[in-house]
Amino acid sequence: MSAVHAVVALGGNIDGPEAHVTRAFGELARLPQTSVLVRSSLYRTAPVGYTDQPAFINACALLETALAPRALLEGLLAIERAHGRVRDIPNGPRTLDLDIVLFGEQLVDEPGLVIPHPRAHERAFVLDPLLEVWPQAVLPGRGPAAACRKRLASGGIERLVEARA
């Protein structure tokens, strides 16, 4: 498989989430056949769905990878496990959450893996850092990410830390 651009959303809200997200950028770069091209700033956002929990730290990374989508997902799940990720409450508190938002222009719909991320178009905490790392990004079936972002409310997200190389 030739290399493609992929976007991974990073987030967490317990046990020092800024440190978990920051460390995860480096761990993404160490995945086989993968490099981090651009990393976004860190953002503080209110929880969605299950709201009785701390605010989240969110970010995105633009990757270049020769991994297949399923292999990339397996790498992301291993990173989450290394950070102590526990999946006991849907949309609940977590140390680290890594989601594939985009994988080139591919559409994937398999058990446990849907690309593009099915709710990315309605989440400012995904779109703001996504647009920072890839301003021309297009969500297949939804259109330009910038147009999706314009349809959302502007509140509830705060840039904390500027992007670094």
N, C-alpha and C. Protein backbone atom coordinates (compact mmCIF):
# COMPACT_ATOMS: atom_id res chain seq x y z
N MET A 1 0.85 -1.19 0.00
CA MET A 1 0.00 0.00 0.00
C MET A 1 0.88 1.24 0.00
N SER A 2 0.55 2.20 -0.84
CA SER A 2 1.31 3.45 -0.84
C SER A 2 0.83 4.32 0.32
N ALA A 3 1.68 5.26 0.70
CA ALA A 3 1.37 6.11 1.85
C ALA A 3 0.21 7.05 1.56
N VAL A 4 -0.60 7.28 2.57
CA VAL A 4 -1.74 8.20 2.48
C VAL A 4 -1.67 9.17 3.65
N HIS A 5 -2.39 10.27 3.52
CA HIS A 5 -2.57 11.19 4.64
C HIS A 5 -3.75 10.69 5.46
N ALA A 6 -3.57 10.66 6.75
CA ALA A 6 -4.63 10.27 7.67
C ALA A 6 -4.66 11.28 8.80
N VAL A 7 -5.83 11.50 9.36
CA VAL A 7 -5.96 12.39 10.51
C VAL A 7 -6.44 11.57 11.69
N VAL A 8 -5.73 11.72 12.80
CA VAL A 8 -6.10 11.07 14.05
C VAL A 8 -6.48 12.16 15.05
N ALA A 9 -7.65 12.00 15.66
CA ALA A 9 -8.07 12.89 16.74
C ALA A 9 -7.59 12.29 18.06
N LEU A 10 -7.06 13.15 18.92
CA LEU A 10 -6.57 12.75 20.22
C LEU A 10 -7.39 13.47 21.28
N GLY A 11 -7.69 12.79 22.38
CA GLY A 11 -8.42 13.43 23.46
C GLY A 11 -8.28 12.66 24.75
N GLY A 12 -8.53 13.34 25.84
CA GLY A 12 -8.52 12.72 27.15
C GLY A 12 -8.98 13.73 28.18
N ASN A 13 -9.39 13.22 29.35
CA ASN A 13 -9.86 14.15 30.37
C ASN A 13 -9.58 13.72 31.81
N ILE A 14 -8.77 12.69 32.01
CA ILE A 14 -8.42 12.31 33.38
C ILE A 14 -6.92 11.98 33.46
N ASP A 15 -6.41 12.05 34.69
CA ASP A 15 -5.02 11.67 34.98
C ASP A 15 -4.01 12.46 34.16
N GLY A 16 -4.16 13.77 34.10
CA GLY A 16 -3.21 14.61 33.37
C GLY A 16 -3.37 14.51 31.87
N PRO A 17 -4.54 14.88 31.35
CA PRO A 17 -4.81 14.69 29.93
C PRO A 17 -3.85 15.43 28.99
N GLU A 18 -3.37 16.61 29.38
CA GLU A 18 -2.42 17.32 28.51
C GLU A 18 -1.17 16.47 28.29
N ALA A 19 -0.69 15.84 29.35
CA ALA A 19 0.51 15.00 29.24
C ALA A 19 0.22 13.77 28.38
N HIS A 20 -0.94 13.13 28.57
CA HIS A 20 -1.28 11.96 27.76
C HIS A 20 -1.33 12.32 26.28
N VAL A 21 -1.99 13.41 25.94
CA VAL A 21 -2.13 13.80 24.54
C VAL A 21 -0.76 14.17 23.96
N THR A 22 0.01 14.93 24.71
CA THR A 22 1.33 15.34 24.22
C THR A 22 2.23 14.12 23.99
N ARG A 23 2.23 13.18 24.94
CA ARG A 23 3.03 11.96 24.77
C ARG A 23 2.56 11.14 23.58
N ALA A 24 1.25 11.11 23.36
CA ALA A 24 0.69 10.32 22.26
C ALA A 24 1.15 10.82 20.90
N PHE A 25 1.40 12.12 20.74
CA PHE A 25 1.93 12.62 19.47
C PHE A 25 3.22 11.88 19.12
N GLY A 26 4.12 11.75 20.09
CA GLY A 26 5.37 11.05 19.86
C GLY A 26 5.17 9.57 19.58
N GLU A 27 4.21 8.97 20.25
CA GLU A 27 3.93 7.54 20.04
C GLU A 27 3.33 7.29 18.66
N LEU A 28 2.53 8.23 18.17
CA LEU A 28 2.02 8.11 16.80
C LEU A 28 3.17 8.10 15.80
N ALA A 29 4.17 8.95 16.04
CA ALA A 29 5.32 9.05 15.13
C ALA A 29 6.16 7.78 15.14
N ARG A 30 6.03 6.97 16.19
CA ARG A 30 6.80 5.73 16.27
C ARG A 30 6.05 4.51 15.72
N LEU A 31 4.82 4.71 15.25
CA LEU A 31 4.12 3.59 14.61
C LEU A 31 4.88 3.20 13.34
N PRO A 32 4.87 1.91 12.98
CA PRO A 32 5.59 1.50 11.77
C PRO A 32 5.05 2.21 10.53
N GLN A 33 5.92 2.55 9.62
CA GLN A 33 5.57 3.13 8.32
C GLN A 33 4.70 4.38 8.45
N THR A 34 4.91 5.13 9.53
CA THR A 34 4.05 6.29 9.83
C THR A 34 4.90 7.44 10.32
N SER A 35 4.55 8.63 9.88
CA SER A 35 5.18 9.84 10.42
C SER A 35 4.10 10.87 10.70
N VAL A 36 4.37 11.72 11.69
CA VAL A 36 3.47 12.82 12.01
C VAL A 36 3.94 14.01 11.19
N LEU A 37 3.10 14.49 10.28
CA LEU A 37 3.44 15.64 9.45
C LEU A 37 3.17 16.95 10.16
N VAL A 38 2.01 17.05 10.82
CA VAL A 38 1.61 18.27 11.53
C VAL A 38 0.82 17.86 12.76
N ARG A 39 1.07 18.55 13.86
CA ARG A 39 0.26 18.35 15.06
C ARG A 39 -0.41 19.66 15.42
N SER A 40 -1.63 19.57 15.88
CA SER A 40 -2.40 20.77 16.21
C SER A 40 -2.04 21.30 17.58
N SER A 41 -2.59 22.45 17.86
CA SER A 41 -2.59 22.98 19.22
C SER A 41 -3.43 22.05 20.09
N LEU A 42 -3.34 22.26 21.39
CA LEU A 42 -4.23 21.57 22.33
C LEU A 42 -5.43 22.48 22.59
N TYR A 43 -6.59 21.86 22.73
CA TYR A 43 -7.84 22.58 22.96
C TYR A 43 -8.53 22.01 24.20
N ARG A 44 -9.15 22.88 24.99
CA ARG A 44 -10.00 22.44 26.10
C ARG A 44 -11.44 22.53 25.63
N THR A 45 -12.19 21.44 25.84
CA THR A 45 -13.57 21.40 25.37
C THR A 45 -14.47 20.76 26.43
N ALA A 46 -15.72 21.14 26.39
CA ALA A 46 -16.72 20.56 27.29
C ALA A 46 -17.05 19.14 26.83
N PRO A 47 -17.36 18.25 27.78
CA PRO A 47 -17.74 16.89 27.39
C PRO A 47 -19.05 16.88 26.60
N VAL A 48 -19.19 15.89 25.73
CA VAL A 48 -20.38 15.70 24.90
C VAL A 48 -21.00 14.37 25.27
N GLY A 49 -22.32 14.32 25.29
CA GLY A 49 -23.00 13.07 25.64
C GLY A 49 -23.09 12.93 27.15
N TYR A 50 -22.19 12.18 27.73
CA TYR A 50 -22.10 12.02 29.18
C TYR A 50 -21.37 13.24 29.73
N THR A 51 -22.12 14.18 30.32
CA THR A 51 -21.54 15.49 30.67
C THR A 51 -21.04 15.59 32.11
N ASP A 52 -21.29 14.59 32.96
CA ASP A 52 -20.86 14.64 34.36
C ASP A 52 -19.43 14.14 34.47
N GLN A 53 -18.50 14.90 33.88
CA GLN A 53 -17.09 14.54 33.87
C GLN A 53 -16.27 15.79 33.56
N PRO A 54 -14.95 15.71 33.79
CA PRO A 54 -14.10 16.88 33.54
C PRO A 54 -14.06 17.26 32.06
N ALA A 55 -13.64 18.50 31.81
CA ALA A 55 -13.42 18.97 30.44
C ALA A 55 -12.34 18.12 29.78
N PHE A 56 -12.35 18.09 28.45
CA PHE A 56 -11.40 17.32 27.67
C PHE A 56 -10.29 18.19 27.13
N ILE A 57 -9.15 17.57 26.89
CA ILE A 57 -8.08 18.14 26.10
C ILE A 57 -8.13 17.41 24.76
N ASN A 58 -8.22 18.16 23.66
CA ASN A 58 -8.33 17.56 22.32
C ASN A 58 -7.27 18.12 21.40
N ALA A 59 -6.96 17.35 20.37
CA ALA A 59 -5.98 17.76 19.36
C ALA A 59 -6.15 16.85 18.15
N CYS A 60 -5.44 17.15 17.08
CA CYS A 60 -5.39 16.28 15.89
C CYS A 60 -3.96 16.19 15.40
N ALA A 61 -3.66 15.08 14.74
CA ALA A 61 -2.38 14.89 14.08
C ALA A 61 -2.64 14.49 12.64
N LEU A 62 -1.92 15.14 11.73
CA LEU A 62 -1.94 14.74 10.32
C LEU A 62 -0.77 13.78 10.13
N LEU A 63 -1.09 12.57 9.72
CA LEU A 63 -0.08 11.52 9.54
C LEU A 63 0.12 11.23 8.07
N GLU A 64 1.28 10.71 7.77
CA GLU A 64 1.49 10.02 6.50
C GLU A 64 1.79 8.59 6.89
N THR A 65 1.00 7.65 6.37
CA THR A 65 1.17 6.26 6.77
C THR A 65 1.00 5.32 5.59
N ALA A 66 1.76 4.25 5.63
CA ALA A 66 1.60 3.18 4.65
C ALA A 66 0.86 2.01 5.28
N LEU A 67 0.42 2.16 6.53
CA LEU A 67 -0.39 1.13 7.17
C LEU A 67 -1.78 1.09 6.55
N ALA A 68 -2.39 -0.06 6.56
CA ALA A 68 -3.80 -0.18 6.18
C ALA A 68 -4.64 0.40 7.31
N PRO A 69 -5.88 0.80 7.03
CA PRO A 69 -6.71 1.38 8.10
C PRO A 69 -6.82 0.49 9.34
N ARG A 70 -7.04 -0.80 9.17
CA ARG A 70 -7.18 -1.69 10.33
C ARG A 70 -5.87 -1.76 11.12
N ALA A 71 -4.74 -1.81 10.43
CA ALA A 71 -3.46 -1.85 11.12
C ALA A 71 -3.21 -0.55 11.90
N LEU A 72 -3.59 0.58 11.31
CA LEU A 72 -3.46 1.85 12.03
C LEU A 72 -4.34 1.83 13.27
N LEU A 73 -5.57 1.35 13.14
CA LEU A 73 -6.46 1.27 14.30
C LEU A 73 -5.85 0.40 15.39
N GLU A 74 -5.29 -0.73 15.03
CA GLU A 74 -4.67 -1.61 16.03
C GLU A 74 -3.53 -0.89 16.74
N GLY A 75 -2.73 -0.12 16.01
CA GLY A 75 -1.68 0.66 16.63
C GLY A 75 -2.23 1.70 17.59
N LEU A 76 -3.32 2.36 17.21
CA LEU A 76 -3.95 3.35 18.08
C LEU A 76 -4.49 2.71 19.36
N LEU A 77 -5.10 1.56 19.22
CA LEU A 77 -5.65 0.86 20.40
C LEU A 77 -4.53 0.45 21.35
N ALA A 78 -3.38 0.04 20.80
CA ALA A 78 -2.24 -0.32 21.64
C ALA A 78 -1.73 0.90 22.41
N ILE A 79 -1.69 2.05 21.75
CA ILE A 79 -1.26 3.28 22.43
C ILE A 79 -2.25 3.62 23.55
N GLU A 80 -3.55 3.52 23.26
CA GLU A 80 -4.56 3.78 24.30
C GLU A 80 -4.35 2.86 25.50
N ARG A 81 -4.16 1.58 25.25
CA ARG A 81 -3.95 0.62 26.35
C ARG A 81 -2.72 0.99 27.17
N ALA A 82 -1.65 1.41 26.50
CA ALA A 82 -0.42 1.80 27.21
C ALA A 82 -0.65 3.01 28.11
N HIS A 83 -1.67 3.80 27.80
CA HIS A 83 -2.03 4.97 28.61
C HIS A 83 -3.10 4.64 29.65
N GLY A 84 -3.43 3.37 29.81
CA GLY A 84 -4.40 2.97 30.82
C GLY A 84 -5.85 3.20 30.43
N ARG A 85 -6.14 3.25 29.15
CA ARG A 85 -7.52 3.48 28.69
C ARG A 85 -8.42 2.37 29.16
N VAL A 86 -9.53 2.75 29.79
CA VAL A 86 -10.56 1.81 30.24
C VAL A 86 -11.86 2.22 29.57
N ARG A 87 -12.58 1.25 29.01
CA ARG A 87 -13.84 1.53 28.32
C ARG A 87 -15.01 0.99 29.14
N ASP A 88 -15.32 1.69 30.25
CA ASP A 88 -16.39 1.21 31.11
C ASP A 88 -17.68 2.02 31.00
N ILE A 89 -17.58 3.29 30.62
CA ILE A 89 -18.77 4.14 30.44
C ILE A 89 -18.71 4.72 29.03
N PRO A 90 -19.73 4.43 28.18
CA PRO A 90 -19.71 5.04 26.84
C PRO A 90 -19.61 6.56 26.92
N ASN A 91 -18.67 7.13 26.17
CA ASN A 91 -18.40 8.58 26.16
C ASN A 91 -17.98 9.11 27.52
N GLY A 92 -17.53 8.20 28.39
CA GLY A 92 -17.14 8.60 29.74
C GLY A 92 -15.71 9.05 29.85
N PRO A 93 -15.25 9.29 31.08
CA PRO A 93 -13.89 9.76 31.32
C PRO A 93 -12.87 8.77 30.75
N ARG A 94 -11.76 9.33 30.25
CA ARG A 94 -10.72 8.47 29.70
C ARG A 94 -9.37 9.17 29.76
N THR A 95 -8.34 8.36 29.88
CA THR A 95 -6.98 8.90 29.87
C THR A 95 -6.60 9.36 28.47
N LEU A 96 -6.96 8.54 27.46
CA LEU A 96 -6.59 8.85 26.09
C LEU A 96 -7.56 8.17 25.13
N ASP A 97 -8.00 8.92 24.15
CA ASP A 97 -8.88 8.41 23.10
C ASP A 97 -8.25 8.80 21.77
N LEU A 98 -8.04 7.82 20.90
CA LEU A 98 -7.46 8.07 19.58
C LEU A 98 -8.44 7.56 18.53
N ASP A 99 -8.87 8.43 17.64
CA ASP A 99 -9.83 8.06 16.59
C ASP A 99 -9.29 8.44 15.23
N ILE A 100 -9.46 7.53 14.26
CA ILE A 100 -9.14 7.87 12.88
C ILE A 100 -10.30 8.70 12.34
N VAL A 101 -10.02 9.94 11.99
CA VAL A 101 -11.05 10.83 11.45
C VAL A 101 -11.10 10.69 9.93
N LEU A 102 -9.93 10.71 9.30
CA LEU A 102 -9.82 10.58 7.84
C LEU A 102 -8.68 9.64 7.50
N PHE A 103 -8.83 8.94 6.40
CA PHE A 103 -7.78 8.07 5.89
C PHE A 103 -7.75 8.25 4.38
N GLY A 104 -6.97 9.25 3.95
CA GLY A 104 -7.01 9.63 2.54
C GLY A 104 -8.43 9.98 2.18
N GLU A 105 -8.88 9.48 1.05
CA GLU A 105 -10.27 9.68 0.64
C GLU A 105 -11.09 8.42 0.83
N GLN A 106 -10.53 7.47 1.56
CA GLN A 106 -11.18 6.17 1.70
C GLN A 106 -12.42 6.24 2.59
N LEU A 107 -13.39 5.43 2.21
CA LEU A 107 -14.56 5.17 3.03
C LEU A 107 -14.40 3.76 3.56
N VAL A 108 -14.52 3.60 4.87
CA VAL A 108 -14.40 2.29 5.50
C VAL A 108 -15.60 2.11 6.40
N ASP A 109 -16.25 0.96 6.29
CA ASP A 109 -17.38 0.63 7.16
C ASP A 109 -17.29 -0.84 7.50
N GLU A 110 -16.56 -1.13 8.56
CA GLU A 110 -16.32 -2.49 9.03
C GLU A 110 -16.68 -2.55 10.51
N PRO A 111 -16.88 -3.73 11.04
CA PRO A 111 -17.10 -3.81 12.49
C PRO A 111 -15.95 -3.16 13.26
N GLY A 112 -16.27 -2.18 14.08
CA GLY A 112 -15.27 -1.51 14.89
C GLY A 112 -14.46 -0.44 14.20
N LEU A 113 -14.74 -0.17 12.92
CA LEU A 113 -13.95 0.83 12.19
C LEU A 113 -14.81 1.49 11.11
N VAL A 114 -15.10 2.77 11.31
CA VAL A 114 -15.86 3.55 10.33
C VAL A 114 -15.05 4.82 10.04
N ILE A 115 -14.73 5.01 8.76
CA ILE A 115 -13.97 6.18 8.30
C ILE A 115 -14.69 6.77 7.10
N PRO A 116 -14.94 8.09 7.05
CA PRO A 116 -14.54 9.06 8.07
C PRO A 116 -15.30 8.83 9.36
N HIS A 117 -14.76 9.38 10.44
CA HIS A 117 -15.42 9.24 11.74
C HIS A 117 -16.87 9.72 11.59
N PRO A 118 -17.83 8.91 12.01
CA PRO A 118 -19.25 9.22 11.70
C PRO A 118 -19.80 10.50 12.33
N ARG A 119 -19.17 11.03 13.37
CA ARG A 119 -19.67 12.26 13.99
C ARG A 119 -18.70 13.43 13.89
N ALA A 120 -17.63 13.27 13.16
CA ALA A 120 -16.63 14.34 13.06
C ALA A 120 -17.24 15.64 12.56
N HIS A 121 -18.16 15.55 11.62
CA HIS A 121 -18.76 16.75 11.01
C HIS A 121 -19.60 17.58 11.98
N GLU A 122 -19.94 17.01 13.14
CA GLU A 122 -20.79 17.73 14.09
C GLU A 122 -20.06 18.05 15.40
N ARG A 123 -18.74 17.93 15.39
CA ARG A 123 -17.98 18.15 16.62
C ARG A 123 -16.87 19.19 16.41
N ALA A 124 -17.07 20.35 17.02
CA ALA A 124 -16.07 21.41 16.91
C ALA A 124 -14.73 20.96 17.49
N PHE A 125 -14.77 20.11 18.52
CA PHE A 125 -13.52 19.67 19.14
C PHE A 125 -12.71 18.76 18.23
N VAL A 126 -13.30 18.28 17.16
CA VAL A 126 -12.57 17.56 16.12
C VAL A 126 -12.23 18.51 14.97
N LEU A 127 -13.20 19.29 14.55
CA LEU A 127 -13.01 20.13 13.36
C LEU A 127 -11.99 21.25 13.57
N ASP A 128 -11.97 21.89 14.73
CA ASP A 128 -11.02 22.99 14.92
C ASP A 128 -9.57 22.50 14.81
N PRO A 129 -9.18 21.45 15.55
CA PRO A 129 -7.80 20.98 15.37
C PRO A 129 -7.56 20.33 14.00
N LEU A 130 -8.57 19.70 13.42
CA LEU A 130 -8.44 19.13 12.07
C LEU A 130 -8.11 20.23 11.07
N LEU A 131 -8.85 21.32 11.12
CA LEU A 131 -8.62 22.41 10.18
C LEU A 131 -7.27 23.09 10.42
N GLU A 132 -6.78 23.02 11.62
CA GLU A 132 -5.46 23.58 11.91
C GLU A 132 -4.37 22.76 11.21
N VAL A 133 -4.51 21.43 11.19
CA VAL A 133 -3.47 20.59 10.59
C VAL A 133 -3.68 20.35 9.10
N TRP A 134 -4.93 20.50 8.63
CA TRP A 134 -5.24 20.24 7.22
C TRP A 134 -6.40 21.13 6.79
N PRO A 135 -6.14 22.41 6.50
CA PRO A 135 -7.20 23.36 6.20
C PRO A 135 -8.08 22.96 5.02
N GLN A 136 -7.55 22.20 4.07
CA GLN A 136 -8.32 21.80 2.88
C GLN A 136 -9.02 20.46 3.06
N ALA A 137 -9.03 19.91 4.25
CA ALA A 137 -9.60 18.58 4.47
C ALA A 137 -11.05 18.52 4.00
N VAL A 138 -11.38 17.37 3.42
CA VAL A 138 -12.75 17.10 2.98
C VAL A 138 -13.21 15.84 3.69
N LEU A 139 -14.39 15.90 4.28
CA LEU A 139 -14.99 14.73 4.91
C LEU A 139 -15.86 14.04 3.86
N PRO A 140 -15.42 12.88 3.36
CA PRO A 140 -16.20 12.20 2.31
C PRO A 140 -17.67 12.06 2.72
N GLY A 141 -18.54 12.45 1.83
CA GLY A 141 -19.97 12.39 2.09
C GLY A 141 -20.51 13.60 2.84
N ARG A 142 -19.63 14.45 3.35
CA ARG A 142 -20.04 15.63 4.12
C ARG A 142 -19.55 16.93 3.52
N GLY A 143 -18.49 16.86 2.71
CA GLY A 143 -17.95 18.06 2.09
C GLY A 143 -16.75 18.61 2.83
N PRO A 144 -16.34 19.84 2.49
CA PRO A 144 -15.18 20.45 3.12
C PRO A 144 -15.37 20.57 4.64
N ALA A 145 -14.33 20.22 5.38
CA ALA A 145 -14.40 20.32 6.84
C ALA A 145 -14.69 21.75 7.27
N ALA A 146 -14.15 22.73 6.55
CA ALA A 146 -14.39 24.13 6.89
C ALA A 146 -15.87 24.48 6.80
N ALA A 147 -16.56 23.96 5.79
CA ALA A 147 -18.00 24.22 5.66
C ALA A 147 -18.78 23.54 6.78
N CYS A 148 -18.36 22.35 7.16
CA CYS A 148 -19.00 21.65 8.29
C CYS A 148 -18.84 22.48 9.56
N ARG A 149 -17.65 23.04 9.76
CA ARG A 149 -17.39 23.81 10.98
C ARG A 149 -18.25 25.07 11.03
N LYS A 150 -18.46 25.71 9.88
CA LYS A 150 -19.27 26.93 9.85
C LYS A 150 -20.71 26.68 10.28
N ARG A 151 -21.17 25.46 10.16
CA ARG A 151 -22.55 25.12 10.54
C ARG A 151 -22.72 24.89 12.04
N LEU A 152 -21.61 24.87 12.78
CA LEU A 152 -21.68 24.57 14.21
C LEU A 152 -21.59 25.84 15.04
N ALA A 153 -22.08 25.76 16.27
CA ALA A 153 -21.95 26.87 17.21
C ALA A 153 -20.47 27.11 17.49
N SER A 154 -20.13 28.34 17.82
CA SER A 154 -18.72 28.69 17.98
C SER A 154 -18.20 28.48 19.39
N GLY A 155 -19.05 28.34 20.39
CA GLY A 155 -18.60 28.25 21.77
C GLY A 155 -18.14 26.86 22.19
N GLY A 156 -17.64 26.80 23.43
CA GLY A 156 -17.33 25.51 24.03
C GLY A 156 -15.96 24.95 23.71
N ILE A 157 -15.11 25.72 23.03
CA ILE A 157 -13.77 25.23 22.72
C ILE A 157 -12.77 26.36 22.91
N GLU A 158 -11.66 26.03 23.58
CA GLU A 158 -10.65 27.04 23.90
C GLU A 158 -9.27 26.50 23.53
N ARG A 159 -8.54 27.24 22.68
CA ARG A 159 -7.17 26.83 22.34
C ARG A 159 -6.29 27.09 23.55
N LEU A 160 -5.53 26.07 23.94
CA LEU A 160 -4.68 26.19 25.13
C LEU A 160 -3.22 26.37 24.79
N VAL A 161 -2.70 25.48 23.98
CA VAL A 161 -1.27 25.44 23.71
C VAL A 161 -1.09 25.44 22.20
N GLU A 162 -0.28 26.36 21.71
CA GLU A 162 -0.03 26.44 20.28
C GLU A 162 0.69 25.18 19.79
N ALA A 163 0.48 24.86 18.54
CA ALA A 163 1.11 23.70 17.94
C ALA A 163 2.62 23.85 17.95
N ARG A 164 3.27 22.71 18.09
CA ARG A 164 4.73 22.65 18.00
C ARG A 164 5.09 21.64 16.94
N ALA A 165 6.32 21.74 16.41
CA ALA A 165 6.76 20.82 15.36
C ALA A 165 6.67 19.37 15.79
